[in-house]
Amino acid sequence: MIHHRPSTRLGTHEVFNQPPPLDDYDAWATDRPLREQVGRLGPEWVGEWLRTLGGETGRNHWFEQGRLAEGNPPELEAFDAGGRRVDEVRFHPAYHALMALAVGHDLHAVAWRRRGAGDHLAHVAGMYLFTQPEQGVCCPVTMTHAAAPALLAEPAVAEDWVPRLLSTSYDPRSLPAGEKAGVTFGMAMTEKQGGSDVRANTTEAIHSGGDGEYVLTGHKWFCSAPMSDAFLTLAQAGEGLTCFLVPRWRPDASRNPIRLQRLKDKCGNRSNASAEVEYGGAWAQRVGEPGRGVRTIIEMVQQTRLDAATAPVGMMRQALVQAWHFARARRAFGGVLARQPLMEQVLADLALEVEAGLALVLRLAAAFERGREEPAEAALARIGTAVAKYWTNKRAVPAIGEAMECLGGNGYVETSLLPRLYREAPVNGIWEGSGNVLCLDVLRALSREPETGDAVLAELAAARGADPRLDAAIDRIPGLMAEGGENPAVARHLTEAMALALQGSLLVRGAPAAVAEAFCAGRLGPGGLTFGTLPSGLDRAAILERVWPC
């Protein structure tokens, strides 16, 4: 998205009816649903904080930095020129610029620095904004944010690391943490033989004599953000699977033997490094109780899952912005493309998907906050995060593909932003639990923590009577919950039904009537299976007015 001064008069023809590049814009001011929902859910400071961030994330400069970072993937430097092991990852300067923007705006730490009303709402809405120009850097930002609650399970470790995590100075140098202005965190959980089944991990942790000090030996199939200053990881100790913090440098300032075997060549997410690593006797500190590693890490997983539910909504929003900009400026079949009935139908359906997804993830952010004092809100956050991550990711790939189609061939070539968004779209559906894992987690929550089901039903009950189609959808949920307890194969059906009912309940209570009516008609009533098949008679113009200010 570079600004040019192109010539429109070429040797054989004149260029016309091609939309101009999208100029710098304010991603906060132009997003009416975001502003309304944040204003309804959070205190005033959240909107002010997001105003500053949104003023940056719509700038062409950051879209160009995202293009450069994705087009110049990180490279592994395992050895230096003299053959000494260094295990470093080299990034394009654009990647570091984007990381500095995120950390400098406190995106990674605002939830822990504020610790009050609006803290998680600010973080989640901020991730929604930041995902739009570039997605790869959101992985280390998310993991640094999510590491804090896990670290707090071990006060001595937290005392050493949390203040460094809260720094708003991005410091990419590979140095011991005590010599740096700020640190970032990664995660290394999965192994070849287990994948999402981390209880099958074989990495071994041997107590080394110090208080909570261990030596780790083993292999990790995926290590996210391997250039981080420290990693949270799972290994088998004598008491069972335990959580550990593994820093890049030992306490004596020597390199910790975390060997980067190779970087993954991924479909998308190419600006971010993902590695296979070996712990060759790596020094580590225990975090949490021995043998309770999954319980310790679950707080981190909940945080990363909510971010992984939010990222696809941000990407869908940017895909919609690109499609809307193109369609408003393009003429076809005797009129403006955006006003052609069928194109208007598609764009309104995409706008509906973004607004519903945003409502769900922001509501869950509020539940994270309220859950500190209200058990029912904590229960809603517990199960709702799995539901939201499953559903928003299932919707992102077809939604971005549809937006790409709105631009025709222009949307399919790499000079457009859409191919990058499309390649990125599947990854959040895989990270932190793929679809089946999430749906089984929904069943597990309902079985082991029945208060989670009660919380969902209470949330839905608040919307009863607003729309008969929503009422019918709500009525189906208890039966599906009961059936899921007997038949795991129904888990996807249940999770989808819960997601749609929750989105519908939020929109009928908080969105304009035209939006709520269209959602209930198009998602809860009889209709088509693709975008652009909303029932007739809906106020599409009112929905599209919310996409972009006139």
Protein backbone atom coordinates (compact mmCIF):
# COMPACT_ATOMS: atom_id res chain seq x y z
CA MET A 1 0.00 0.00 0.00
CA ILE A 2 2.62 2.52 -1.16
CA HIS A 3 1.55 5.95 -2.36
CA HIS A 4 2.54 6.55 -5.98
CA ARG A 5 2.00 9.37 -8.44
CA PRO A 6 1.09 7.13 -11.37
CA SER A 7 0.46 8.11 -14.94
CA THR A 8 -3.05 7.40 -16.18
CA ARG A 9 -2.27 8.05 -19.86
CA LEU A 10 -0.42 5.08 -21.27
CA GLY A 11 0.73 4.35 -24.80
CA THR A 12 -2.32 2.35 -25.80
CA HIS A 13 -5.05 3.47 -23.42
CA GLU A 14 -6.11 5.66 -20.55
CA VAL A 15 -6.48 4.12 -17.09
CA PHE A 16 -9.86 4.86 -15.52
CA ASN A 17 -12.46 3.17 -13.32
CA GLN A 18 -9.71 1.78 -11.10
CA PRO A 19 -10.18 2.75 -7.44
CA PRO A 20 -7.32 4.81 -6.00
CA PRO A 21 -5.19 3.39 -3.18
CA LEU A 22 -6.82 3.61 0.22
CA ASP A 23 -5.32 6.67 1.90
CA ASP A 24 -4.27 6.92 5.54
CA TYR A 25 -7.32 6.59 7.75
CA ASP A 26 -8.17 6.44 11.44
CA ALA A 27 -9.05 2.81 12.23
CA TRP A 28 -10.82 3.84 15.45
CA ALA A 29 -12.83 6.80 14.16
CA THR A 30 -13.99 4.95 11.03
CA ASP A 31 -15.20 1.85 12.92
CA ARG A 32 -18.62 2.72 14.30
CA PRO A 33 -19.48 -0.73 15.74
CA LEU A 34 -16.16 -0.78 17.61
CA ARG A 35 -16.68 2.67 19.10
CA GLU A 36 -20.25 1.88 20.13
CA GLN A 37 -19.46 -1.46 21.73
CA VAL A 38 -16.40 -0.20 23.60
CA GLY A 39 -18.40 2.79 24.85
CA ARG A 40 -21.13 0.49 26.12
CA LEU A 41 -18.84 -2.02 27.83
CA GLY A 42 -15.94 -0.01 29.22
CA PRO A 43 -14.93 3.18 30.99
CA GLU A 44 -13.93 6.31 29.09
CA TRP A 45 -10.19 5.71 29.29
CA VAL A 46 -10.48 2.64 27.02
CA GLY A 47 -11.82 4.70 24.14
CA GLU A 48 -9.13 7.32 24.61
CA TRP A 49 -6.41 4.67 24.63
CA LEU A 50 -7.84 3.02 21.51
CA ARG A 51 -8.13 6.38 19.76
CA THR A 52 -4.36 6.75 19.90
CA LEU A 53 -3.72 3.21 18.69
CA GLY A 54 -6.35 3.39 15.95
CA GLY A 55 -4.86 6.60 14.67
CA GLU A 56 -1.72 4.62 13.87
CA THR A 57 -3.05 1.27 12.64
CA GLY A 58 -4.86 2.79 9.64
CA ARG A 59 -1.75 4.50 8.32
CA ASN A 60 -0.33 3.28 5.01
CA HIS A 61 3.11 3.23 6.57
CA TRP A 62 2.18 0.30 8.82
CA PHE A 63 0.50 -1.63 6.03
CA GLU A 64 3.70 -1.26 4.05
CA GLN A 65 5.78 -2.41 7.03
CA GLY A 66 3.50 -5.44 7.26
CA ARG A 67 4.03 -6.20 3.57
CA LEU A 68 7.79 -5.95 3.95
CA ALA A 69 7.87 -8.09 7.08
CA GLU A 70 5.75 -10.81 5.48
CA GLY A 71 7.66 -10.65 2.19
CA ASN A 72 11.04 -10.99 3.95
CA PRO A 73 10.56 -13.88 6.38
CA PRO A 74 12.90 -14.39 9.35
CA GLU A 75 16.04 -16.45 8.86
CA LEU A 76 17.76 -18.84 11.24
CA GLU A 77 21.39 -18.25 12.12
CA ALA A 78 22.35 -21.37 14.02
CA PHE A 79 26.13 -20.72 14.02
CA ASP A 80 28.35 -17.69 13.80
CA ALA A 81 31.20 -17.31 11.32
CA GLY A 82 33.57 -19.17 13.62
CA GLY A 83 31.28 -22.18 14.02
CA ARG A 84 30.06 -21.25 17.50
CA ARG A 85 26.42 -22.00 18.28
CA VAL A 86 24.28 -18.85 18.52
CA ASP A 87 20.71 -19.99 17.67
CA GLU A 88 19.52 -16.56 16.59
CA VAL A 89 16.64 -15.52 14.36
CA ARG A 90 17.20 -12.55 12.07
CA PHE A 91 14.24 -10.34 11.14
CA HIS A 92 13.62 -7.65 8.57
CA PRO A 93 13.68 -4.14 10.10
CA ALA A 94 9.96 -3.79 9.33
CA TYR A 95 9.20 -6.57 11.79
CA HIS A 96 11.06 -4.76 14.55
CA ALA A 97 9.29 -1.50 13.69
CA LEU A 98 5.90 -3.20 14.09
CA MET A 99 6.94 -4.82 17.36
CA ALA A 100 8.13 -1.45 18.66
CA LEU A 101 4.76 0.05 17.72
CA ALA A 102 2.82 -2.64 19.60
CA VAL A 103 5.01 -2.65 22.71
CA GLY A 104 5.34 1.13 22.73
CA HIS A 105 1.54 1.41 22.78
CA ASP A 106 1.40 -1.04 25.69
CA LEU A 107 -0.66 -3.56 23.72
CA HIS A 108 1.11 -6.46 25.43
CA ALA A 109 0.74 -5.17 28.99
CA VAL A 110 -2.21 -2.77 29.26
CA ALA A 111 -4.43 -5.44 30.85
CA TRP A 112 -1.94 -6.01 33.68
CA ARG A 113 -0.84 -2.41 34.14
CA ARG A 114 -4.40 -1.08 34.50
CA ARG A 115 -5.84 -4.01 36.54
CA GLY A 116 -9.35 -2.62 36.71
CA ALA A 117 -12.46 -1.95 34.67
CA GLY A 118 -11.64 -1.93 30.97
CA ASP A 119 -8.24 -3.63 31.18
CA HIS A 120 -9.03 -6.73 29.08
CA LEU A 121 -11.45 -4.79 26.90
CA ALA A 122 -8.62 -2.44 25.94
CA HIS A 123 -6.27 -5.31 25.14
CA VAL A 124 -8.78 -7.26 23.03
CA ALA A 125 -10.00 -4.20 21.13
CA GLY A 126 -6.38 -3.18 20.63
CA MET A 127 -5.54 -6.60 19.17
CA TYR A 128 -8.51 -6.26 16.82
CA LEU A 129 -7.06 -2.96 15.56
CA PHE A 130 -3.45 -4.11 15.39
CA THR A 131 -4.24 -7.31 13.50
CA GLN A 132 -5.52 -5.30 10.55
CA PRO A 133 -2.23 -3.97 9.12
CA GLU A 134 -0.12 -6.99 10.13
CA GLN A 135 -0.83 -10.29 11.80
CA GLY A 136 2.51 -12.03 12.39
CA VAL A 137 3.75 -9.77 15.17
CA CYS A 138 0.51 -10.36 17.07
CA CYS A 139 1.79 -13.82 18.06
CA PRO A 140 4.68 -12.64 20.30
CA VAL A 141 2.56 -9.73 21.55
CA THR A 142 -0.20 -12.16 22.56
CA MET A 143 2.14 -14.59 24.28
CA THR A 144 3.91 -11.83 26.19
CA HIS A 145 0.51 -10.58 27.37
CA ALA A 146 -0.67 -14.09 28.26
CA ALA A 147 2.47 -15.09 30.17
CA ALA A 148 1.68 -12.80 33.12
CA PRO A 149 -1.05 -14.87 34.85
CA ALA A 150 0.99 -18.06 34.50
CA LEU A 151 4.07 -16.40 36.00
CA LEU A 152 2.03 -15.23 38.98
CA ALA A 153 1.60 -18.89 39.96
CA GLU A 154 5.23 -18.74 41.17
CA PRO A 155 5.79 -15.51 43.15
CA ALA A 156 9.59 -15.65 43.05
CA VAL A 157 9.58 -16.05 39.27
CA ALA A 158 6.92 -13.36 38.86
CA GLU A 159 8.89 -10.90 40.97
CA ASP A 160 11.85 -11.29 38.63
CA TRP A 161 10.05 -11.37 35.26
CA VAL A 162 6.73 -9.51 35.42
CA PRO A 163 8.26 -6.01 35.82
CA ARG A 164 10.36 -6.69 32.72
CA LEU A 165 7.29 -7.91 30.84
CA LEU A 166 5.45 -4.66 31.67
CA SER A 167 8.10 -2.49 30.03
CA THR A 168 6.96 -0.44 27.03
CA SER A 169 10.47 -0.50 25.57
CA TYR A 170 10.94 -3.02 22.78
CA ASP A 171 14.47 -4.41 22.96
CA PRO A 172 15.23 -7.06 20.31
CA ARG A 173 18.84 -7.63 21.37
CA SER A 174 19.84 -11.14 22.37
CA LEU A 175 21.14 -10.47 25.86
CA PRO A 176 20.46 -11.71 29.39
CA ALA A 177 17.14 -10.27 30.55
CA GLY A 178 18.76 -8.17 33.27
CA GLU A 179 20.67 -6.23 30.61
CA LYS A 180 17.62 -5.36 28.52
CA ALA A 181 15.06 -2.54 28.55
CA GLY A 182 12.15 -4.96 28.09
CA VAL A 183 11.43 -8.62 27.37
CA THR A 184 9.05 -10.77 25.33
CA PHE A 185 7.76 -14.26 25.98
CA GLY A 186 7.22 -17.31 23.82
CA MET A 187 5.62 -20.70 24.28
CA ALA A 188 6.87 -24.23 23.58
CA MET A 189 4.25 -26.86 24.38
CA THR A 190 3.58 -29.36 21.61
CA GLU A 191 5.68 -32.34 20.67
CA LYS A 192 5.68 -34.60 17.60
CA GLN A 193 3.88 -37.51 19.19
CA GLY A 194 1.18 -35.58 21.02
CA GLY A 195 0.26 -32.28 19.38
CA SER A 196 -2.68 -30.90 21.34
CA ASP A 197 -2.47 -33.87 23.72
CA VAL A 198 0.27 -32.32 25.85
CA ARG A 199 -0.06 -35.05 28.48
CA ALA A 200 1.77 -37.26 25.97
CA ASN A 201 4.86 -35.00 26.19
CA THR A 202 8.16 -36.79 26.81
CA THR A 203 10.48 -33.83 27.49
CA GLU A 204 12.19 -34.68 30.80
CA ALA A 205 12.79 -32.30 33.71
CA ILE A 206 15.38 -33.26 36.32
CA HIS A 207 15.65 -31.34 39.59
CA SER A 208 19.08 -29.73 39.69
CA GLY A 209 19.34 -29.05 43.41
CA GLY A 210 18.38 -25.38 43.59
CA ASP A 211 15.00 -24.19 44.79
CA GLY A 212 12.68 -24.81 41.84
CA GLU A 213 15.59 -25.25 39.44
CA TYR A 214 15.54 -28.01 36.83
CA VAL A 215 17.38 -29.19 33.75
CA LEU A 216 15.25 -29.95 30.68
CA THR A 217 16.05 -32.42 27.91
CA GLY A 218 13.75 -33.01 24.97
CA HIS A 219 12.27 -31.73 21.73
CA LYS A 220 9.44 -29.33 20.93
CA TRP A 221 7.76 -29.60 17.54
CA PHE A 222 6.41 -26.03 17.60
CA CYS A 223 8.00 -23.16 19.50
CA SER A 224 6.27 -19.88 18.83
CA ALA A 225 8.42 -16.75 18.68
CA PRO A 226 11.79 -18.49 19.27
CA MET A 227 13.60 -15.14 19.53
CA SER A 228 11.80 -14.41 22.81
CA ASP A 229 13.69 -13.84 26.03
CA ALA A 230 11.97 -16.68 27.86
CA PHE A 231 9.52 -19.49 27.16
CA LEU A 232 6.81 -21.20 29.11
CA THR A 233 6.98 -24.91 28.46
CA LEU A 234 5.71 -28.26 29.74
CA ALA A 235 7.90 -31.19 30.74
CA GLN A 236 7.61 -34.40 32.72
CA ALA A 237 9.03 -34.06 36.22
CA GLY A 238 8.96 -36.76 38.89
CA GLU A 239 5.51 -35.62 40.01
CA GLY A 240 4.14 -35.51 36.46
CA LEU A 241 3.64 -32.88 33.79
CA THR A 242 4.88 -29.55 35.14
CA CYS A 243 5.16 -26.00 33.83
CA PHE A 244 8.58 -24.34 33.53
CA LEU A 245 10.08 -21.03 32.54
CA VAL A 246 13.07 -21.48 30.25
CA PRO A 247 15.10 -18.28 29.64
CA ARG A 248 17.37 -17.79 26.64
CA TRP A 249 20.28 -17.14 29.02
CA ARG A 250 21.29 -18.90 32.22
CA PRO A 251 21.70 -17.00 35.50
CA ASP A 252 25.47 -16.92 34.96
CA ALA A 253 24.90 -15.06 31.65
CA SER A 254 25.90 -18.03 29.50
CA ARG A 255 23.65 -19.18 26.65
CA ASN A 256 21.00 -21.65 27.71
CA PRO A 257 21.19 -24.71 25.42
CA ILE A 258 17.91 -24.10 23.56
CA ARG A 259 18.85 -25.35 20.09
CA LEU A 260 16.82 -24.08 17.15
CA GLN A 261 16.65 -26.98 14.70
CA ARG A 262 14.80 -25.21 11.89
CA LEU A 263 12.15 -22.59 11.19
CA LYS A 264 8.80 -23.79 9.90
CA ASP A 265 7.92 -22.88 6.30
CA LYS A 266 4.30 -21.89 6.89
CA CYS A 267 1.33 -21.20 4.64
CA GLY A 268 0.93 -17.73 6.15
CA ASN A 269 2.08 -15.92 9.29
CA ARG A 270 5.38 -15.62 7.50
CA SER A 271 6.68 -12.52 9.27
CA ASN A 272 6.61 -14.48 12.54
CA ALA A 273 9.11 -17.25 13.29
CA SER A 274 7.96 -20.68 14.44
CA ALA A 275 10.67 -23.20 15.22
CA GLU A 276 11.49 -26.74 16.20
CA VAL A 277 13.71 -26.67 19.27
CA GLU A 278 15.71 -29.03 21.41
CA TYR A 279 16.46 -28.57 25.07
CA GLY A 280 19.95 -29.92 25.51
CA GLY A 281 20.08 -29.74 29.29
CA ALA A 282 18.44 -26.32 29.42
CA TRP A 283 18.23 -24.55 32.77
CA ALA A 284 14.63 -23.88 33.85
CA GLN A 285 12.58 -22.66 36.79
CA ARG A 286 9.43 -24.43 37.89
CA VAL A 287 6.25 -22.35 37.62
CA GLY A 288 3.33 -23.52 39.73
CA GLU A 289 2.88 -26.79 41.59
CA PRO A 290 4.84 -29.88 40.49
CA GLY A 291 2.68 -32.21 38.44
CA ARG A 292 0.05 -29.49 37.83
CA GLY A 293 1.47 -28.09 34.62
CA VAL A 294 -1.76 -28.07 32.66
CA ARG A 295 -3.59 -26.28 35.46
CA THR A 296 -0.79 -23.69 35.66
CA ILE A 297 -0.70 -23.05 31.94
CA ILE A 298 -4.48 -22.92 31.47
CA GLU A 299 -4.59 -19.24 32.45
CA MET A 300 -2.14 -18.47 29.65
CA VAL A 301 -4.09 -20.61 27.21
CA GLN A 302 -7.34 -18.80 28.06
CA GLN A 303 -5.67 -15.48 27.30
CA THR A 304 -4.13 -16.63 24.03
CA ARG A 305 -7.39 -18.27 22.96
CA LEU A 306 -9.29 -15.03 23.37
CA ASP A 307 -6.70 -13.24 21.25
CA ALA A 308 -6.92 -16.06 18.69
CA ALA A 309 -10.70 -15.51 18.60
CA THR A 310 -10.18 -11.77 18.11
CA ALA A 311 -7.57 -11.84 15.33
CA PRO A 312 -9.91 -13.33 12.68
CA VAL A 313 -12.48 -10.63 13.45
CA GLY A 314 -9.84 -7.96 12.87
CA MET A 315 -8.78 -9.62 9.62
CA MET A 316 -12.41 -9.85 8.46
CA ARG A 317 -12.82 -6.15 9.26
CA GLN A 318 -9.80 -5.23 7.14
CA ALA A 319 -10.99 -7.47 4.29
CA LEU A 320 -14.35 -5.70 4.46
CA VAL A 321 -12.65 -2.29 4.43
CA GLN A 322 -10.72 -3.27 1.29
CA ALA A 323 -13.82 -4.61 -0.45
CA TRP A 324 -15.94 -1.61 0.55
CA HIS A 325 -13.32 0.88 -0.64
CA PHE A 326 -13.04 -0.86 -4.00
CA ALA A 327 -16.78 -1.31 -4.54
CA ARG A 328 -17.62 2.31 -3.67
CA ALA A 329 -15.19 3.65 -6.29
CA ARG A 330 -15.75 1.10 -9.05
CA ARG A 331 -18.49 1.38 -11.65
CA ALA A 332 -19.99 -1.72 -13.25
CA PHE A 333 -23.08 -2.50 -15.28
CA GLY A 334 -24.13 1.14 -15.43
CA GLY A 335 -23.77 2.07 -11.77
CA VAL A 336 -21.57 2.16 -8.68
CA LEU A 337 -20.56 -1.41 -7.84
CA ALA A 338 -21.34 -1.06 -4.12
CA ARG A 339 -24.94 -0.13 -4.99
CA GLN A 340 -25.57 -3.08 -7.27
CA PRO A 341 -28.16 -5.17 -5.41
CA LEU A 342 -26.21 -8.41 -5.31
CA MET A 343 -22.92 -6.74 -4.37
CA GLU A 344 -24.74 -4.75 -1.70
CA GLN A 345 -26.11 -8.04 -0.40
CA VAL A 346 -22.62 -9.56 -0.12
CA LEU A 347 -21.08 -6.51 1.53
CA ALA A 348 -23.92 -6.22 4.05
CA ASP A 349 -23.54 -9.90 4.95
CA LEU A 350 -19.79 -9.46 5.51
CA ALA A 351 -20.42 -6.38 7.64
CA LEU A 352 -22.90 -8.36 9.70
CA GLU A 353 -20.31 -11.08 10.32
CA VAL A 354 -17.71 -8.59 11.51
CA GLU A 355 -20.10 -6.80 13.86
CA ALA A 356 -21.35 -10.07 15.36
CA GLY A 357 -17.84 -11.40 15.86
CA LEU A 358 -16.70 -8.14 17.45
CA ALA A 359 -19.66 -8.13 19.83
CA LEU A 360 -18.81 -11.64 21.00
CA VAL A 361 -15.09 -11.15 21.67
CA LEU A 362 -15.59 -7.80 23.41
CA ARG A 363 -18.30 -9.27 25.61
CA LEU A 364 -15.90 -12.04 26.61
CA ALA A 365 -13.19 -9.47 27.36
CA ALA A 366 -15.63 -7.84 29.75
CA ALA A 367 -16.37 -11.26 31.27
CA PHE A 368 -12.64 -11.77 31.92
CA GLU A 369 -12.66 -8.53 33.92
CA ARG A 370 -15.90 -9.10 35.79
CA GLY A 371 -14.94 -12.69 36.52
CA ARG A 372 -12.49 -11.50 39.15
CA GLU A 373 -15.50 -10.65 41.32
CA GLU A 374 -18.42 -12.54 39.77
CA PRO A 375 -18.22 -16.36 39.44
CA ALA A 376 -20.90 -16.43 36.75
CA GLU A 377 -18.84 -14.08 34.57
CA ALA A 378 -15.73 -16.23 35.08
CA ALA A 379 -17.77 -19.26 34.01
CA LEU A 380 -18.98 -17.44 30.89
CA ALA A 381 -15.41 -16.47 30.02
CA ARG A 382 -14.26 -20.07 30.54
CA ILE A 383 -16.65 -21.67 28.06
CA GLY A 384 -17.35 -18.67 25.85
CA THR A 385 -13.70 -18.28 24.87
CA ALA A 386 -13.62 -21.79 23.40
CA VAL A 387 -16.92 -21.16 21.62
CA ALA A 388 -15.76 -17.83 20.18
CA LYS A 389 -12.37 -19.10 19.04
CA TYR A 390 -14.02 -21.99 17.23
CA TRP A 391 -16.64 -19.90 15.49
CA THR A 392 -14.82 -16.72 14.44
CA ASN A 393 -12.07 -18.80 12.88
CA LYS A 394 -14.54 -20.98 11.00
CA ARG A 395 -16.04 -17.81 9.53
CA ALA A 396 -12.82 -15.97 8.67
CA VAL A 397 -11.59 -18.06 5.74
CA PRO A 398 -14.82 -17.88 3.67
CA ALA A 399 -15.42 -14.25 4.63
CA ILE A 400 -11.96 -13.11 3.51
CA GLY A 401 -12.30 -15.23 0.37
CA GLU A 402 -15.61 -13.50 -0.39
CA ALA A 403 -14.04 -10.08 0.12
CA MET A 404 -11.24 -11.07 -2.24
CA GLU A 405 -13.86 -11.98 -4.84
CA CYS A 406 -15.41 -8.51 -4.51
CA LEU A 407 -12.21 -7.09 -6.03
CA GLY A 408 -12.11 -9.72 -8.76
CA GLY A 409 -8.64 -10.35 -10.17
CA ASN A 410 -7.35 -7.27 -8.34
CA GLY A 411 -8.01 -9.03 -5.06
CA TYR A 412 -6.13 -12.18 -6.04
CA VAL A 413 -2.77 -10.61 -6.90
CA GLU A 414 -0.09 -9.83 -4.35
CA THR A 415 -0.28 -6.07 -4.85
CA SER A 416 -3.56 -6.35 -2.93
CA LEU A 417 -3.69 -6.91 0.82
CA LEU A 418 -6.27 -9.70 0.45
CA PRO A 419 -3.90 -12.62 -0.38
CA ARG A 420 -1.91 -11.94 2.78
CA LEU A 421 -5.08 -11.89 4.87
CA TYR A 422 -6.30 -15.08 3.20
CA ARG A 423 -3.06 -16.97 3.86
CA GLU A 424 -3.13 -15.82 7.44
CA ALA A 425 -6.77 -16.71 8.09
CA PRO A 426 -6.39 -20.43 8.98
CA VAL A 427 -3.63 -20.12 11.56
CA ASN A 428 -5.65 -18.88 14.53
CA GLY A 429 -8.00 -21.80 14.05
CA ILE A 430 -5.06 -24.16 14.57
CA TRP A 431 -3.11 -22.38 17.31
CA GLU A 432 -4.24 -22.94 20.88
CA GLY A 433 -6.48 -25.85 19.94
CA SER A 434 -7.99 -26.73 16.57
CA GLY A 435 -11.73 -26.99 16.01
CA ASN A 436 -12.23 -30.47 17.43
CA VAL A 437 -10.11 -29.71 20.49
CA LEU A 438 -12.17 -26.60 21.23
CA CYS A 439 -15.52 -28.33 20.79
CA LEU A 440 -14.43 -31.18 23.05
CA ASP A 441 -13.30 -28.56 25.56
CA VAL A 442 -16.82 -27.11 25.48
CA LEU A 443 -18.19 -30.57 26.36
CA ARG A 444 -15.57 -30.97 29.07
CA ALA A 445 -16.50 -27.62 30.62
CA LEU A 446 -20.20 -28.49 30.64
CA SER A 447 -19.48 -31.85 32.27
CA ARG A 448 -16.89 -30.85 34.86
CA GLU A 449 -17.97 -27.25 35.48
CA PRO A 450 -21.77 -27.19 35.07
CA GLU A 451 -21.81 -23.56 36.12
CA THR A 452 -20.44 -22.77 32.64
CA GLY A 453 -23.61 -24.03 31.02
CA ASP A 454 -25.69 -22.07 33.51
CA ALA A 455 -23.73 -18.93 32.65
CA VAL A 456 -24.39 -19.33 28.93
CA LEU A 457 -28.10 -19.91 29.48
CA ALA A 458 -28.30 -16.88 31.80
CA GLU A 459 -26.60 -14.70 29.19
CA LEU A 460 -29.04 -15.90 26.54
CA ALA A 461 -32.05 -15.45 28.82
CA ALA A 462 -31.33 -11.72 29.00
CA ALA A 463 -32.32 -11.47 25.32
CA ARG A 464 -35.50 -13.53 25.45
CA GLY A 465 -38.55 -12.01 23.83
CA ALA A 466 -36.59 -9.76 21.47
CA ASP A 467 -36.94 -11.99 18.40
CA PRO A 468 -38.84 -15.29 17.95
CA ARG A 469 -36.02 -16.79 15.85
CA LEU A 470 -33.55 -16.06 18.62
CA ASP A 471 -35.94 -17.51 21.19
CA ALA A 472 -36.16 -20.72 19.13
CA ALA A 473 -32.36 -20.89 18.87
CA ILE A 474 -32.04 -20.45 22.64
CA ASP A 475 -34.63 -23.18 23.24
CA ARG A 476 -32.46 -25.67 21.33
CA ILE A 477 -29.35 -25.13 23.45
CA PRO A 478 -30.28 -27.17 26.59
CA GLY A 479 -31.19 -30.20 24.49
CA LEU A 480 -27.92 -30.01 22.58
CA MET A 481 -26.00 -29.67 25.84
CA ALA A 482 -27.66 -32.83 27.17
CA GLU A 483 -27.06 -34.69 23.92
CA GLY A 484 -23.40 -33.64 23.91
CA GLY A 485 -22.94 -35.30 27.29
CA GLU A 486 -23.87 -38.64 25.71
CA ASN A 487 -22.53 -38.21 22.20
CA PRO A 488 -19.26 -36.29 21.58
CA ALA A 489 -19.98 -36.28 17.84
CA VAL A 490 -22.55 -33.53 18.43
CA ALA A 491 -19.90 -31.17 19.86
CA ARG A 492 -19.50 -29.06 16.72
CA HIS A 493 -23.23 -28.68 16.30
CA LEU A 494 -23.56 -27.57 19.90
CA THR A 495 -20.65 -25.12 19.75
CA GLU A 496 -21.94 -23.52 16.55
CA ALA A 497 -25.44 -23.20 18.01
CA MET A 498 -24.05 -21.58 21.16
CA ALA A 499 -21.95 -19.13 19.13
CA LEU A 500 -24.85 -18.02 16.96
CA ALA A 501 -27.23 -17.71 19.90
CA LEU A 502 -24.69 -15.67 21.89
CA GLN A 503 -24.02 -13.37 18.94
CA GLY A 504 -27.73 -12.94 18.33
CA SER A 505 -28.41 -12.18 21.99
CA LEU A 506 -25.71 -9.50 22.02
CA LEU A 507 -26.90 -7.84 18.83
CA VAL A 508 -30.57 -7.66 19.80
CA ARG A 509 -29.53 -5.99 23.06
CA GLY A 510 -26.85 -3.67 21.76
CA ALA A 511 -26.93 -3.15 17.98
CA PRO A 512 -29.33 -1.09 15.84
CA ALA A 513 -32.57 -2.79 14.89
CA ALA A 514 -31.51 -3.24 11.26
CA VAL A 515 -28.40 -5.17 12.30
CA ALA A 516 -30.19 -7.36 14.85
CA GLU A 517 -33.03 -8.12 12.43
CA ALA A 518 -30.61 -9.08 9.65
CA PHE A 519 -28.60 -11.34 11.94
CA CYS A 520 -31.63 -13.19 13.26
CA ALA A 521 -33.05 -13.54 9.75
CA GLY A 522 -29.81 -14.55 8.07
CA ARG A 523 -28.15 -16.67 10.76
CA LEU A 524 -31.01 -18.07 12.84
CA GLY A 525 -33.75 -18.36 10.22
CA PRO A 526 -33.87 -20.38 6.98
CA GLY A 527 -31.37 -19.09 4.47
CA GLY A 528 -28.45 -19.88 2.21
CA LEU A 529 -25.09 -21.33 3.15
CA THR A 530 -22.85 -18.67 1.58
CA PHE A 531 -22.30 -14.98 2.15
CA GLY A 532 -24.71 -12.84 0.15
CA THR A 533 -27.78 -15.00 0.74
CA LEU A 534 -29.52 -12.85 3.35
CA PRO A 535 -33.32 -12.93 3.08
CA SER A 536 -34.98 -10.17 1.10
CA GLY A 537 -36.60 -7.20 2.75
CA LEU A 538 -33.72 -6.33 5.08
CA ASP A 539 -32.31 -2.81 5.41
CA ARG A 540 -28.93 -3.45 3.79
CA ALA A 541 -28.19 0.26 3.44
CA ALA A 542 -28.50 0.77 7.20
CA ILE A 543 -26.02 -2.04 7.82
CA LEU A 544 -23.54 -0.66 5.29
CA GLU A 545 -23.74 2.85 6.74
CA ARG A 546 -21.94 1.43 9.76
CA VAL A 547 -18.97 0.15 7.74
CA TRP A 548 -17.46 3.54 6.96
CA PRO A 549 -18.43 7.16 7.64
CA CYS A 550 -19.87 8.97 4.65
